[in-house]
C-alpha atoms as a PDB file:
ATOM      1  CA  MET A   1     -20.089  40.191  14.124  1.00  0.00           C
ATOM      2  CA  ALA A   2     -21.883  41.801  11.241  1.00  0.00           C
ATOM      3  CA  ARG A   3     -23.093  44.984  11.576  1.00  0.00           C
ATOM      4  CA  LEU A   4     -26.556  45.599   9.740  1.00  0.00           C
ATOM      5  CA  THR A   5     -27.004  47.940   7.328  1.00  0.00           C
ATOM      6  CA  ALA A   6     -28.951  51.067   8.696  1.00  0.00           C
ATOM      7  CA  ARG A   7     -31.657  50.197   5.850  1.00  0.00           C
ATOM      8  CA  PHE A   8     -32.536  47.260   7.465  1.00  0.00           C
ATOM      9  CA  TRP A   9     -32.370  48.830  11.501  1.00  0.00           C
ATOM     10  CA  VAL A  10     -35.034  51.604   9.833  1.00  0.00           C
ATOM     11  CA  ASP A  11     -37.121  48.782   8.420  1.00  0.00           C
ATOM     12  CA  ALA A  12     -37.452  46.390  11.171  1.00  0.00           C
ATOM     13  CA  TYR A  13     -38.099  49.590  13.520  1.00  0.00           C
ATOM     14  CA  LEU A  14     -40.476  50.868  11.624  1.00  0.00           C
ATOM     15  CA  ALA A  15     -42.268  47.559  11.589  1.00  0.00           C
ATOM     16  CA  ARG A  16     -42.625  47.070  15.495  1.00  0.00           C
ATOM     17  CA  LEU A  17     -43.490  50.659  15.707  1.00  0.00           C
ATOM     18  CA  ARG A  18     -46.831  49.034  13.386  1.00  0.00           C
ATOM     19  CA  VAL A  19     -46.949  45.925  15.535  1.00  0.00           C
ATOM     20  CA  PHE A  20     -47.939  48.226  18.712  1.00  0.00           C
ATOM     21  CA  ASP A  21     -50.547  51.004  16.803  1.00  0.00           C
ATOM     22  CA  ILE A  22     -47.345  53.732  16.967  1.00  0.00           C
ATOM     23  CA  PRO A  23     -46.984  56.022  13.936  1.00  0.00           C
ATOM     24  CA  ALA A  24     -43.950  57.063  13.016  1.00  0.00           C
ATOM     25  CA  PHE A  25     -42.376  58.990   9.530  1.00  0.00           C
ATOM     26  CA  VAL A  26     -38.865  58.372   8.113  1.00  0.00           C
ATOM     27  CA  VAL A  27     -38.908  62.142   8.091  1.00  0.00           C
ATOM     28  CA  ALA A  28     -35.302  62.605   6.195  1.00  0.00           C
ATOM     29  CA  HIS A  29     -33.614  59.235   4.194  1.00  0.00           C
ATOM     30  CA  GLY A  30     -29.907  58.789   5.624  1.00  0.00           C
ATOM     31  CA  ASP A  31     -27.252  56.689   3.065  1.00  0.00           C
ATOM     32  CA  ASP A  32     -28.606  52.743   3.703  1.00  0.00           C
ATOM     33  CA  THR A  33     -25.691  51.137   4.473  1.00  0.00           C
ATOM     34  CA  GLY A  34     -24.212  53.757   7.195  1.00  0.00           C
ATOM     35  CA  GLY A  35     -26.546  55.897   7.888  1.00  0.00           C
ATOM     36  CA  ILE A  36     -26.460  57.210  11.940  1.00  0.00           C
ATOM     37  CA  VAL A  37     -30.085  57.279  12.822  1.00  0.00           C
ATOM     38  CA  LEU A  38     -31.681  59.878  14.876  1.00  0.00           C
ATOM     39  CA  VAL A  39     -35.051  58.668  16.587  1.00  0.00           C
ATOM     40  CA  LYS A  40     -37.598  62.178  17.109  1.00  0.00           C
ATOM     41  CA  LEU A  41     -40.211  60.907  19.548  1.00  0.00           C
ATOM     42  CA  SER A  42     -42.975  63.734  19.480  1.00  0.00           C
ATOM     43  CA  THR A  43     -45.603  63.106  23.000  1.00  0.00           C
ATOM     44  CA  LEU A  44     -48.377  65.254  21.164  1.00  0.00           C
ATOM     45  CA  ASP A  45     -48.185  68.260  23.080  1.00  0.00           C
ATOM     46  CA  GLY A  46     -45.554  71.025  21.363  1.00  0.00           C
ATOM     47  CA  ASN A  47     -42.422  68.857  22.836  1.00  0.00           C
ATOM     48  CA  ALA A  48     -39.994  66.274  21.695  1.00  0.00           C
ATOM     49  CA  ALA A  49     -36.678  63.955  22.643  1.00  0.00           C
ATOM     50  CA  LEU A  50     -33.913  62.818  20.013  1.00  0.00           C
ATOM     51  CA  PHE A  51     -33.109  59.799  20.317  1.00  0.00           C
ATOM     52  CA  HIS A  52     -28.749  58.759  18.803  1.00  0.00           C
ATOM     53  CA  LYS A  53     -26.744  55.480  19.158  1.00  0.00           C
ATOM     54  CA  SER A  54     -23.863  56.214  21.948  1.00  0.00           C
ATOM     55  CA  PHE A  55     -20.986  54.230  21.830  1.00  0.00           C
ATOM     56  CA  ASP A  56     -19.782  52.680  25.630  1.00  0.00           C
ATOM     57  CA  LEU A  57     -15.985  53.635  26.139  1.00  0.00           C
ATOM     58  CA  VAL A  58     -15.787  50.882  28.809  1.00  0.00           C
ATOM     59  CA  SER A  59     -18.388  48.627  28.306  1.00  0.00           C
ATOM     60  CA  GLY A  60     -17.853  48.782  24.922  1.00  0.00           C
ATOM     61  CA  GLU A  61     -21.509  48.203  24.177  1.00  0.00           C
ATOM     62  CA  ARG A  62     -23.922  50.624  22.152  1.00  0.00           C
ATOM     63  CA  ALA A  63     -26.957  52.018  23.655  1.00  0.00           C
ATOM     64  CA  TRP A  64     -29.531  54.617  22.722  1.00  0.00           C
ATOM     65  CA  VAL A  65     -29.420  57.930  24.991  1.00  0.00           C
ATOM     66  CA  GLU A  66     -30.791  61.175  25.071  1.00  0.00           C
ATOM     67  CA  MET A  67     -29.277  63.700  22.884  1.00  0.00           C
ATOM     68  CA  THR A  68     -32.006  66.501  23.810  1.00  0.00           C
ATOM     69  CA  SER A  69     -35.237  67.366  24.964  1.00  0.00           C
ATOM     70  CA  GLY A  70     -37.778  70.768  24.864  1.00  0.00           C
ATOM     71  CA  THR A  71     -40.347  71.741  22.185  1.00  0.00           C
ATOM     72  CA  ASP A  72     -40.878  70.479  19.199  1.00  0.00           C
ATOM     73  CA  ALA A  73     -39.283  73.167  17.971  1.00  0.00           C
ATOM     74  CA  ASP A  74     -36.145  72.894  19.430  1.00  0.00           C
ATOM     75  CA  VAL A  75     -35.935  69.648  18.735  1.00  0.00           C
ATOM     76  CA  ASP A  76     -36.125  70.049  15.337  1.00  0.00           C
ATOM     77  CA  ALA A  77     -34.048  73.328  16.074  1.00  0.00           C
ATOM     78  CA  SER A  78     -31.149  70.119  16.862  1.00  0.00           C
ATOM     79  CA  ILE A  79     -32.255  67.745  14.283  1.00  0.00           C
ATOM     80  CA  ALA A  80     -31.397  70.749  11.267  1.00  0.00           C
ATOM     81  CA  LYS A  81     -27.692  71.338  12.961  1.00  0.00           C
ATOM     82  CA  GLN A  82     -26.897  67.374  13.132  1.00  0.00           C
ATOM     83  CA  ARG A  83     -27.651  67.172   9.158  1.00  0.00           C
ATOM     84  CA  GLY A  84     -26.440  70.416   8.913  1.00  0.00           C
ATOM     85  CA  PHE A  85     -23.169  68.227  10.037  1.00  0.00           C
ATOM     86  CA  ASP A  86     -23.811  64.858   8.287  1.00  0.00           C
ATOM     87  CA  PRO A  87     -26.059  64.792   5.445  1.00  0.00           C
ATOM     88  CA  ASP A  88     -25.851  61.452   5.177  1.00  0.00           C
ATOM     89  CA  LEU A  89     -28.201  60.576   8.547  1.00  0.00           C
ATOM     90  CA  TRP A  90     -31.757  59.536   8.863  1.00  0.00           C
ATOM     91  CA  VAL A  91     -34.440  61.182  10.869  1.00  0.00           C
ATOM     92  CA  ILE A  92     -37.181  58.798  11.939  1.00  0.00           C
ATOM     93  CA  GLU A  93     -40.313  60.361  13.766  1.00  0.00           C
ATOM     94  CA  VAL A  94     -42.124  58.873  16.864  1.00  0.00           C
ATOM     95  CA  GLU A  95     -45.474  60.283  17.593  1.00  0.00           C
ATOM     96  CA  ASP A  96     -47.339  58.253  20.645  1.00  0.00           C
ATOM     97  CA  ARG A  97     -49.361  60.638  22.841  1.00  0.00           C
ATOM     98  CA  GLN A  98     -48.119  57.451  25.919  1.00  0.00           C
ATOM     99  CA  GLY A  99     -44.380  58.916  25.450  1.00  0.00           C
ATOM    100  CA  ARG A 100     -43.519  55.280  23.657  1.00  0.00           C
ATOM    101  CA  HIS A 101     -41.073  54.575  21.261  1.00  0.00           C
ATOM    102  CA  LEU A 102     -39.598  50.746  22.345  1.00  0.00           C
ATOM    103  CA  LEU A 103     -36.275  51.489  21.078  1.00  0.00           C
ATOM    104  CA  PHE A 104     -35.175  49.698  24.910  1.00  0.00           C
ATOM    105  CA  GLU A 105     -37.153  46.834  23.448  1.00  0.00           C
ATOM    106  CA  GLU A 106     -35.113  43.849  23.058  1.00  0.00           C
ATOM    107  CA  GLY A 107     -34.235  43.415  19.328  1.00  0.00           C
ATOM    108  CA  LEU A 108     -33.744  47.147  19.215  1.00  0.00           C
ATOM    109  CA  SER A 109     -31.530  47.986  21.433  1.00  0.00           C
END
C-alpha cells in the first residue's frame, strides 16, 4: 500500500476540521513528502495536548498517541524541543474548547 505524503494528509486533515468548524492552523510547515506531523490541541483555557503518530511494534499498526499535555507553554516547549531534533516536522494547532481534534475518526487514524 502506498503511503500518503505529509502534505496530502495535512491538507485532508485541515479540510475535515473545517467541515466541523474547528479552527486549525499550520504553525510549522514540514517536509511535503515525509515530514512527521505533530498536532497540538489547545482547549483555549491555557491547557493543551500534543499528539503524534506512533508505530506499534506488536501489531504493526500506526496510531495517534498523546505525546504530552499540560499548559500551553509546556506543550510549546515540547514542540520547540522536537523541532530542534527535526526541523522538517509539521506542527498543526487545533483550537477547540470541546477538545475535538478528530484524529481517531475514520480516514484520519
